[in-house]
N, C-alpha and C. Protein backbone atom coordinates (compact mmCIF):
# COMPACT_ATOMS: atom_id res chain seq x y z
N MET A 1 -2.20 -55.90 -2.84
CA MET A 1 -2.57 -54.93 -3.87
C MET A 1 -3.54 -53.90 -3.31
N LYS A 2 -4.55 -54.40 -2.57
CA LYS A 2 -5.54 -53.50 -2.00
C LYS A 2 -4.90 -52.55 -0.99
N SER A 3 -3.94 -53.05 -0.24
CA SER A 3 -3.28 -52.20 0.76
C SER A 3 -2.45 -51.11 0.09
N LYS A 4 -1.85 -51.41 -1.07
CA LYS A 4 -1.09 -50.38 -1.80
C LYS A 4 -2.01 -49.28 -2.31
N ILE A 5 -3.18 -49.66 -2.79
CA ILE A 5 -4.15 -48.66 -3.27
C ILE A 5 -4.63 -47.81 -2.11
N LEU A 6 -4.94 -48.44 -1.00
CA LEU A 6 -5.38 -47.68 0.18
C LEU A 6 -4.28 -46.76 0.67
N LEU A 7 -3.05 -47.25 0.67
CA LEU A 7 -1.92 -46.41 1.08
C LEU A 7 -1.76 -45.22 0.13
N SER A 8 -1.90 -45.46 -1.17
CA SER A 8 -1.80 -44.37 -2.15
C SER A 8 -2.89 -43.33 -1.94
N VAL A 9 -4.11 -43.79 -1.71
CA VAL A 9 -5.22 -42.87 -1.46
C VAL A 9 -4.96 -42.09 -0.18
N PHE A 10 -4.46 -42.75 0.85
CA PHE A 10 -4.16 -42.08 2.11
C PHE A 10 -3.09 -41.00 1.92
N VAL A 11 -2.03 -41.33 1.18
CA VAL A 11 -0.95 -40.37 0.93
C VAL A 11 -1.48 -39.16 0.16
N ILE A 12 -2.29 -39.39 -0.85
CA ILE A 12 -2.85 -38.28 -1.63
C ILE A 12 -3.73 -37.41 -0.75
N CYS A 13 -4.56 -38.02 0.07
CA CYS A 13 -5.41 -37.24 0.99
C CYS A 13 -4.57 -36.45 1.98
N LEU A 14 -3.51 -37.07 2.48
CA LEU A 14 -2.62 -36.38 3.42
C LEU A 14 -1.96 -35.18 2.76
N ILE A 15 -1.54 -35.33 1.52
CA ILE A 15 -0.93 -34.21 0.80
C ILE A 15 -1.93 -33.06 0.67
N PHE A 16 -3.18 -33.37 0.31
CA PHE A 16 -4.19 -32.31 0.19
C PHE A 16 -4.43 -31.62 1.52
N VAL A 17 -4.41 -32.37 2.60
CA VAL A 17 -4.62 -31.78 3.92
C VAL A 17 -3.45 -30.89 4.30
N LEU A 18 -2.23 -31.36 4.08
CA LEU A 18 -1.05 -30.59 4.45
C LEU A 18 -0.85 -29.36 3.57
N VAL A 19 -1.05 -29.51 2.29
CA VAL A 19 -0.84 -28.40 1.37
C VAL A 19 -2.06 -27.51 1.29
N GLY A 20 -3.21 -28.06 1.52
CA GLY A 20 -4.44 -27.29 1.38
C GLY A 20 -4.88 -27.26 -0.06
N CYS A 21 -5.87 -26.50 -0.32
CA CYS A 21 -6.43 -26.41 -1.67
C CYS A 21 -5.93 -25.18 -2.38
N SER A 22 -4.74 -24.70 -2.03
CA SER A 22 -4.27 -23.44 -2.58
C SER A 22 -4.04 -23.49 -4.08
N GLY A 23 -3.88 -24.66 -4.66
CA GLY A 23 -3.66 -24.73 -6.09
C GLY A 23 -4.91 -24.94 -6.89
N VAL A 24 -6.05 -24.93 -6.26
CA VAL A 24 -7.30 -25.20 -6.95
C VAL A 24 -7.78 -23.94 -7.65
N VAL A 25 -8.16 -24.06 -8.89
CA VAL A 25 -8.70 -22.94 -9.65
C VAL A 25 -10.21 -22.98 -9.54
N SER A 26 -10.82 -21.83 -9.35
CA SER A 26 -12.28 -21.81 -9.23
C SER A 26 -12.90 -22.25 -10.55
N PRO A 27 -13.99 -23.02 -10.50
CA PRO A 27 -14.58 -23.56 -11.72
C PRO A 27 -15.07 -22.48 -12.67
N ILE A 28 -15.53 -21.36 -12.16
CA ILE A 28 -16.04 -20.29 -13.02
C ILE A 28 -14.92 -19.70 -13.85
N ALA A 29 -13.77 -19.51 -13.23
CA ALA A 29 -12.66 -18.87 -13.93
C ALA A 29 -11.91 -19.84 -14.84
N GLU A 30 -12.08 -21.14 -14.63
CA GLU A 30 -11.30 -22.12 -15.35
C GLU A 30 -11.52 -22.07 -16.86
N GLU A 31 -12.70 -21.69 -17.31
CA GLU A 31 -12.99 -21.62 -18.74
C GLU A 31 -12.03 -20.70 -19.48
N ASN A 32 -11.62 -19.61 -18.85
CA ASN A 32 -10.83 -18.58 -19.52
C ASN A 32 -9.34 -18.65 -19.20
N GLN A 33 -8.87 -19.72 -18.61
CA GLN A 33 -7.49 -19.75 -18.14
C GLN A 33 -6.47 -19.54 -19.26
N GLU A 34 -6.66 -20.12 -20.42
CA GLU A 34 -5.67 -20.02 -21.48
C GLU A 34 -5.50 -18.59 -21.97
N GLU A 35 -6.59 -17.85 -22.09
CA GLU A 35 -6.49 -16.49 -22.64
C GLU A 35 -6.11 -15.46 -21.58
N ASN A 36 -6.11 -15.83 -20.31
CA ASN A 36 -5.86 -14.85 -19.25
C ASN A 36 -4.50 -14.18 -19.38
N VAL A 37 -3.45 -14.94 -19.54
CA VAL A 37 -2.13 -14.35 -19.60
C VAL A 37 -1.70 -14.10 -21.03
N THR A 38 -2.10 -14.98 -21.94
CA THR A 38 -1.69 -14.81 -23.33
C THR A 38 -2.51 -13.74 -24.04
N GLY A 39 -3.72 -13.50 -23.58
CA GLY A 39 -4.57 -12.47 -24.17
C GLY A 39 -4.27 -11.12 -23.55
N GLU A 40 -4.97 -10.12 -24.02
CA GLU A 40 -4.77 -8.79 -23.48
C GLU A 40 -5.47 -8.63 -22.14
N TRP A 41 -4.90 -7.78 -21.30
CA TRP A 41 -5.53 -7.46 -20.03
C TRP A 41 -6.72 -6.55 -20.29
N LEU A 42 -7.77 -6.73 -19.55
CA LEU A 42 -8.89 -5.80 -19.53
C LEU A 42 -8.59 -4.81 -18.42
N SER A 43 -9.25 -3.65 -18.43
CA SER A 43 -8.91 -2.69 -17.37
C SER A 43 -10.09 -1.81 -16.97
N ILE A 44 -10.00 -1.33 -15.75
CA ILE A 44 -10.89 -0.31 -15.19
C ILE A 44 -9.95 0.81 -14.78
N GLU A 45 -10.26 2.04 -15.16
CA GLU A 45 -9.32 3.12 -14.92
C GLU A 45 -10.05 4.39 -14.49
N ASN A 46 -9.40 5.16 -13.62
CA ASN A 46 -9.84 6.52 -13.30
C ASN A 46 -8.59 7.37 -13.07
N GLU A 47 -8.73 8.52 -12.44
CA GLU A 47 -7.57 9.41 -12.29
C GLU A 47 -6.53 8.89 -11.30
N PHE A 48 -6.87 7.88 -10.49
CA PHE A 48 -5.94 7.40 -9.47
C PHE A 48 -5.35 6.03 -9.74
N PHE A 49 -6.06 5.17 -10.43
CA PHE A 49 -5.64 3.78 -10.60
C PHE A 49 -5.94 3.24 -11.99
N ILE A 50 -5.18 2.22 -12.35
CA ILE A 50 -5.51 1.37 -13.48
C ILE A 50 -5.59 -0.05 -12.91
N ILE A 51 -6.76 -0.61 -12.93
CA ILE A 51 -6.94 -1.98 -12.46
C ILE A 51 -6.96 -2.88 -13.69
N LYS A 52 -6.00 -3.78 -13.79
CA LYS A 52 -5.93 -4.71 -14.92
C LYS A 52 -6.33 -6.09 -14.44
N TYR A 53 -7.11 -6.77 -15.26
CA TYR A 53 -7.60 -8.08 -14.85
C TYR A 53 -7.78 -8.99 -16.06
N CYS A 54 -7.83 -10.26 -15.77
CA CYS A 54 -8.01 -11.28 -16.80
C CYS A 54 -9.49 -11.44 -17.13
N SER A 55 -9.77 -11.89 -18.33
CA SER A 55 -11.13 -12.17 -18.74
C SER A 55 -11.79 -13.12 -17.74
N GLY A 56 -13.03 -12.81 -17.37
CA GLY A 56 -13.74 -13.64 -16.41
C GLY A 56 -13.62 -13.16 -14.97
N TYR A 57 -12.86 -12.09 -14.74
CA TYR A 57 -12.60 -11.60 -13.39
C TYR A 57 -13.06 -10.16 -13.17
N LYS A 58 -14.09 -9.74 -13.90
CA LYS A 58 -14.55 -8.36 -13.78
C LYS A 58 -15.07 -8.04 -12.38
N LYS A 59 -15.84 -8.95 -11.77
CA LYS A 59 -16.35 -8.70 -10.42
C LYS A 59 -15.21 -8.57 -9.42
N ASP A 60 -14.19 -9.39 -9.57
CA ASP A 60 -13.01 -9.28 -8.70
C ASP A 60 -12.33 -7.93 -8.90
N ALA A 61 -12.20 -7.51 -10.15
CA ALA A 61 -11.55 -6.23 -10.45
C ALA A 61 -12.34 -5.07 -9.85
N GLU A 62 -13.66 -5.13 -9.91
CA GLU A 62 -14.48 -4.08 -9.32
C GLU A 62 -14.32 -4.03 -7.80
N LYS A 63 -14.24 -5.20 -7.17
CA LYS A 63 -13.99 -5.24 -5.72
C LYS A 63 -12.64 -4.60 -5.40
N ILE A 64 -11.62 -5.01 -6.13
CA ILE A 64 -10.28 -4.48 -5.89
C ILE A 64 -10.25 -2.97 -6.14
N PHE A 65 -10.95 -2.51 -7.16
CA PHE A 65 -11.04 -1.09 -7.46
C PHE A 65 -11.59 -0.33 -6.25
N ASN A 66 -12.66 -0.84 -5.65
CA ASN A 66 -13.24 -0.21 -4.46
C ASN A 66 -12.30 -0.28 -3.27
N TYR A 67 -11.63 -1.43 -3.09
CA TYR A 67 -10.68 -1.56 -1.99
C TYR A 67 -9.51 -0.58 -2.16
N CYS A 68 -9.07 -0.37 -3.39
CA CYS A 68 -7.97 0.56 -3.66
C CYS A 68 -8.36 1.99 -3.31
N HIS A 69 -9.59 2.37 -3.63
CA HIS A 69 -10.03 3.72 -3.26
C HIS A 69 -10.12 3.88 -1.75
N PHE A 70 -10.60 2.85 -1.09
CA PHE A 70 -10.63 2.87 0.38
C PHE A 70 -9.21 3.03 0.93
N ALA A 71 -8.27 2.28 0.38
CA ALA A 71 -6.88 2.34 0.82
C ALA A 71 -6.29 3.73 0.57
N ARG A 72 -6.52 4.28 -0.61
CA ARG A 72 -5.98 5.60 -0.93
C ARG A 72 -6.54 6.65 0.02
N ASP A 73 -7.84 6.63 0.25
CA ASP A 73 -8.46 7.60 1.16
C ASP A 73 -7.90 7.46 2.57
N THR A 74 -7.70 6.24 3.01
CA THR A 74 -7.17 6.00 4.35
C THR A 74 -5.74 6.52 4.47
N VAL A 75 -4.90 6.21 3.49
CA VAL A 75 -3.51 6.66 3.52
C VAL A 75 -3.43 8.17 3.38
N MET A 76 -4.26 8.76 2.51
CA MET A 76 -4.26 10.22 2.32
C MET A 76 -4.60 10.95 3.61
N SER A 77 -5.46 10.38 4.44
CA SER A 77 -5.84 11.05 5.69
C SER A 77 -4.66 11.11 6.68
N LYS A 78 -3.71 10.21 6.56
CA LYS A 78 -2.55 10.19 7.47
C LYS A 78 -1.27 10.68 6.81
N TYR A 79 -1.17 10.49 5.51
CA TYR A 79 0.05 10.81 4.78
C TYR A 79 -0.33 11.43 3.44
N PRO A 80 -0.68 12.72 3.44
CA PRO A 80 -1.09 13.37 2.18
C PRO A 80 0.04 13.28 1.14
N HIS A 81 -0.31 12.96 -0.08
CA HIS A 81 0.68 12.78 -1.12
C HIS A 81 0.04 12.94 -2.49
N LYS A 82 0.90 13.09 -3.49
CA LYS A 82 0.44 13.10 -4.88
C LYS A 82 1.45 12.29 -5.68
N LEU A 83 0.96 11.21 -6.25
CA LEU A 83 1.84 10.39 -7.07
C LEU A 83 1.89 10.95 -8.49
N PRO A 84 3.05 10.97 -9.12
CA PRO A 84 3.15 11.47 -10.49
C PRO A 84 2.75 10.43 -11.54
N TYR A 85 2.22 9.33 -11.09
CA TYR A 85 1.81 8.25 -11.99
C TYR A 85 0.56 7.58 -11.43
N LYS A 86 -0.11 6.83 -12.29
CA LYS A 86 -1.25 6.01 -11.84
C LYS A 86 -0.72 4.62 -11.55
N PRO A 87 -0.84 4.17 -10.32
CA PRO A 87 -0.40 2.80 -10.04
C PRO A 87 -1.25 1.79 -10.82
N ALA A 88 -0.60 0.78 -11.33
CA ALA A 88 -1.30 -0.33 -11.98
C ALA A 88 -1.51 -1.42 -10.94
N VAL A 89 -2.74 -1.89 -10.84
CA VAL A 89 -3.06 -2.97 -9.92
C VAL A 89 -3.49 -4.15 -10.78
N LEU A 90 -2.71 -5.22 -10.74
CA LEU A 90 -2.97 -6.38 -11.58
C LEU A 90 -3.64 -7.47 -10.76
N VAL A 91 -4.83 -7.86 -11.17
CA VAL A 91 -5.60 -8.90 -10.47
C VAL A 91 -5.37 -10.21 -11.22
N TYR A 92 -4.66 -11.11 -10.56
CA TYR A 92 -4.29 -12.39 -11.17
C TYR A 92 -5.26 -13.50 -10.78
N ASP A 93 -5.36 -14.47 -11.66
CA ASP A 93 -6.09 -15.70 -11.35
C ASP A 93 -5.12 -16.68 -10.68
N ARG A 94 -5.65 -17.68 -10.03
CA ARG A 94 -4.83 -18.65 -9.29
C ARG A 94 -3.83 -19.38 -10.18
N LEU A 95 -4.23 -19.74 -11.37
CA LEU A 95 -3.36 -20.52 -12.25
C LEU A 95 -2.08 -19.77 -12.61
N HIS A 96 -2.17 -18.46 -12.77
CA HIS A 96 -1.01 -17.67 -13.20
C HIS A 96 -0.37 -16.88 -12.06
N TRP A 97 -0.77 -17.17 -10.84
CA TRP A 97 -0.18 -16.49 -9.68
C TRP A 97 1.17 -17.12 -9.41
N SER A 98 2.23 -16.32 -9.36
CA SER A 98 3.57 -16.88 -9.28
C SER A 98 4.14 -16.93 -7.86
N LEU A 99 3.51 -16.24 -6.90
CA LEU A 99 4.04 -16.27 -5.54
C LEU A 99 3.61 -17.55 -4.85
N ASP A 100 4.56 -18.25 -4.27
CA ASP A 100 4.21 -19.47 -3.53
C ASP A 100 3.44 -19.13 -2.27
N GLU A 101 3.91 -18.14 -1.56
CA GLU A 101 3.26 -17.70 -0.33
C GLU A 101 2.73 -16.29 -0.56
N GLY A 102 1.71 -15.95 0.14
CA GLY A 102 1.20 -14.59 0.05
C GLY A 102 0.19 -14.41 -1.07
N THR A 103 -0.49 -13.29 -1.01
CA THR A 103 -1.52 -13.03 -2.00
C THR A 103 -1.41 -11.63 -2.59
N MET A 104 -0.45 -10.84 -2.12
CA MET A 104 -0.26 -9.49 -2.66
C MET A 104 1.22 -9.15 -2.63
N MET A 105 1.60 -8.26 -3.54
CA MET A 105 2.97 -7.81 -3.60
C MET A 105 3.00 -6.47 -4.33
N THR A 106 3.92 -5.59 -3.94
CA THR A 106 4.07 -4.30 -4.60
C THR A 106 5.49 -4.14 -5.10
N GLU A 107 5.63 -3.61 -6.30
CA GLU A 107 6.92 -3.19 -6.84
C GLU A 107 6.79 -1.72 -7.16
N CYS A 108 7.70 -0.91 -6.62
CA CYS A 108 7.57 0.52 -6.88
C CYS A 108 8.91 1.23 -6.78
N GLY A 109 8.91 2.43 -7.32
CA GLY A 109 10.06 3.31 -7.29
C GLY A 109 9.55 4.74 -7.28
N SER A 110 10.35 5.65 -7.81
CA SER A 110 9.93 7.05 -7.78
C SER A 110 9.00 7.41 -8.93
N THR A 111 9.02 6.63 -10.01
CA THR A 111 8.22 7.01 -11.18
C THR A 111 7.19 5.97 -11.61
N SER A 112 7.10 4.87 -10.91
CA SER A 112 6.10 3.87 -11.27
C SER A 112 5.82 2.95 -10.09
N GLY A 113 4.70 2.28 -10.18
CA GLY A 113 4.36 1.32 -9.13
C GLY A 113 3.30 0.35 -9.61
N GLU A 114 3.46 -0.90 -9.22
CA GLU A 114 2.49 -1.93 -9.55
C GLU A 114 2.19 -2.75 -8.31
N VAL A 115 0.93 -3.10 -8.17
CA VAL A 115 0.51 -3.96 -7.07
C VAL A 115 -0.07 -5.22 -7.71
N TYR A 116 0.38 -6.37 -7.25
CA TYR A 116 -0.09 -7.65 -7.77
C TYR A 116 -0.98 -8.29 -6.70
N ILE A 117 -2.17 -8.69 -7.11
CA ILE A 117 -3.15 -9.22 -6.16
C ILE A 117 -3.78 -10.48 -6.72
N LEU A 118 -3.94 -11.47 -5.86
CA LEU A 118 -4.66 -12.67 -6.25
C LEU A 118 -6.15 -12.37 -6.19
N ALA A 119 -6.88 -12.75 -7.21
CA ALA A 119 -8.32 -12.47 -7.30
C ALA A 119 -9.06 -13.02 -6.08
N PRO A 120 -9.94 -12.21 -5.48
CA PRO A 120 -10.70 -12.69 -4.31
C PRO A 120 -11.46 -13.98 -4.56
N SER A 121 -11.98 -14.17 -5.76
CA SER A 121 -12.76 -15.39 -6.02
C SER A 121 -11.88 -16.64 -6.08
N ASP A 122 -10.58 -16.47 -6.22
CA ASP A 122 -9.66 -17.60 -6.25
C ASP A 122 -9.04 -17.89 -4.89
N GLN A 123 -9.43 -17.16 -3.88
CA GLN A 123 -8.93 -17.41 -2.53
C GLN A 123 -9.55 -18.68 -1.98
N THR A 124 -8.77 -19.42 -1.24
CA THR A 124 -9.29 -20.64 -0.63
C THR A 124 -9.37 -20.52 0.88
N ASN A 125 -8.87 -19.43 1.43
CA ASN A 125 -8.90 -19.23 2.88
C ASN A 125 -10.12 -18.40 3.25
N PRO A 126 -10.99 -18.89 4.13
CA PRO A 126 -12.21 -18.15 4.48
C PRO A 126 -11.94 -16.86 5.24
N TYR A 127 -10.74 -16.67 5.76
CA TYR A 127 -10.42 -15.45 6.50
C TYR A 127 -10.08 -14.28 5.58
N TYR A 128 -9.92 -14.54 4.29
CA TYR A 128 -9.61 -13.48 3.34
C TYR A 128 -10.91 -12.83 2.90
N ASP A 129 -11.46 -12.02 3.78
CA ASP A 129 -12.73 -11.35 3.52
C ASP A 129 -12.48 -9.88 3.18
N THR A 130 -13.54 -9.10 3.15
CA THR A 130 -13.42 -7.68 2.80
C THR A 130 -12.44 -6.95 3.71
N LEU A 131 -12.56 -7.14 5.01
CA LEU A 131 -11.67 -6.45 5.95
C LEU A 131 -10.22 -6.84 5.71
N TRP A 132 -9.99 -8.11 5.48
CA TRP A 132 -8.63 -8.59 5.23
C TRP A 132 -8.06 -7.91 3.98
N TYR A 133 -8.84 -7.86 2.91
CA TYR A 133 -8.38 -7.20 1.68
C TYR A 133 -8.14 -5.72 1.90
N GLN A 134 -9.04 -5.05 2.61
CA GLN A 134 -8.86 -3.62 2.86
C GLN A 134 -7.56 -3.35 3.61
N LYS A 135 -7.31 -4.10 4.67
CA LYS A 135 -6.09 -3.89 5.46
C LYS A 135 -4.84 -4.16 4.63
N ASN A 136 -4.85 -5.23 3.87
CA ASN A 136 -3.66 -5.58 3.11
C ASN A 136 -3.43 -4.67 1.92
N ILE A 137 -4.49 -4.19 1.31
CA ILE A 137 -4.29 -3.24 0.21
C ILE A 137 -3.82 -1.90 0.77
N ILE A 138 -4.28 -1.52 1.95
CA ILE A 138 -3.73 -0.32 2.60
C ILE A 138 -2.22 -0.50 2.77
N HIS A 139 -1.82 -1.66 3.26
CA HIS A 139 -0.39 -1.93 3.45
C HIS A 139 0.37 -1.82 2.13
N GLU A 140 -0.13 -2.46 1.10
CA GLU A 140 0.56 -2.43 -0.20
C GLU A 140 0.55 -1.03 -0.80
N TYR A 141 -0.58 -0.34 -0.71
CA TYR A 141 -0.68 1.01 -1.28
C TYR A 141 0.30 1.96 -0.58
N THR A 142 0.50 1.79 0.72
CA THR A 142 1.39 2.68 1.48
C THR A 142 2.81 2.65 0.91
N HIS A 143 3.22 1.54 0.34
CA HIS A 143 4.55 1.46 -0.27
C HIS A 143 4.71 2.50 -1.39
N LEU A 144 3.65 2.75 -2.14
CA LEU A 144 3.76 3.61 -3.32
C LEU A 144 4.18 5.04 -2.98
N PRO A 145 3.44 5.79 -2.14
CA PRO A 145 3.89 7.14 -1.84
C PRO A 145 5.17 7.17 -1.01
N PHE A 146 5.34 6.18 -0.14
CA PHE A 146 6.55 6.15 0.69
C PHE A 146 7.79 6.03 -0.18
N TYR A 147 7.81 5.06 -1.08
CA TYR A 147 9.00 4.88 -1.92
C TYR A 147 9.14 6.00 -2.95
N HIS A 148 8.05 6.54 -3.43
CA HIS A 148 8.15 7.69 -4.33
C HIS A 148 8.87 8.82 -3.61
N ASP A 149 8.43 9.14 -2.40
CA ASP A 149 9.06 10.23 -1.65
C ASP A 149 10.49 9.89 -1.26
N LEU A 150 10.74 8.67 -0.89
CA LEU A 150 12.09 8.26 -0.50
C LEU A 150 13.06 8.41 -1.66
N TYR A 151 12.68 7.93 -2.84
CA TYR A 151 13.58 7.99 -3.99
C TYR A 151 13.64 9.38 -4.61
N SER A 152 12.69 10.24 -4.32
CA SER A 152 12.66 11.58 -4.90
C SER A 152 13.45 12.59 -4.08
N LYS A 153 13.77 12.27 -2.85
CA LYS A 153 14.49 13.21 -1.98
C LYS A 153 15.97 13.25 -2.34
N PRO A 154 16.65 14.36 -2.03
CA PRO A 154 18.09 14.41 -2.24
C PRO A 154 18.77 13.28 -1.46
N GLN A 155 19.83 12.75 -2.03
CA GLN A 155 20.48 11.58 -1.44
C GLN A 155 21.79 11.91 -0.74
N GLY A 156 22.02 13.15 -0.39
CA GLY A 156 23.24 13.46 0.34
C GLY A 156 23.87 14.75 -0.13
N TYR A 157 25.12 14.95 0.25
CA TYR A 157 25.83 16.19 0.00
C TYR A 157 25.86 16.56 -1.48
N LYS A 158 26.10 15.59 -2.35
CA LYS A 158 26.23 15.88 -3.78
C LYS A 158 24.94 16.44 -4.38
N ASP A 159 23.79 16.18 -3.74
CA ASP A 159 22.51 16.66 -4.25
C ASP A 159 22.06 17.97 -3.62
N CYS A 160 22.86 18.50 -2.70
CA CYS A 160 22.48 19.76 -2.04
C CYS A 160 22.65 20.92 -3.02
N PRO A 161 21.78 21.93 -2.94
CA PRO A 161 21.94 23.08 -3.82
C PRO A 161 23.23 23.83 -3.51
N ARG A 162 23.86 24.35 -4.53
CA ARG A 162 25.11 25.11 -4.36
C ARG A 162 24.76 26.58 -4.14
N LEU A 163 25.53 27.22 -3.28
CA LEU A 163 25.31 28.65 -2.99
C LEU A 163 26.11 29.53 -3.89
């Protein structure tokens, strides 16, 4: 009996080591988990972005807001552009994050764009620091003007002006 309990404890510990703590919700954010997705999103907005976040994640949203401005400035210096929309950046908590792998994702087209980001406070990897977020948000932000321009350009002979 004792050996079965020890084996069970060993297996559980092994699973935690192999999988990591990626499914752990931070204790501070755990209080508001139920209202995060079912309640309304809170937001921070200016002329360039709408940052949407769950209750209890205002500090994360402010960090992401600053990282987004850094990303926009960086991309503008290399690829000047004007988006006809304000990208929405959604800061998710760990409990409602749907991607198994990764911590950011962008969906965009010619008339809209959204960036999905896991809240910095819910990260379990110590390498996900400010520099890591800045680089990855630059990567995600670059999709927005690129795909806007790609989808806005003429698509071939049928779109050429007639003489």
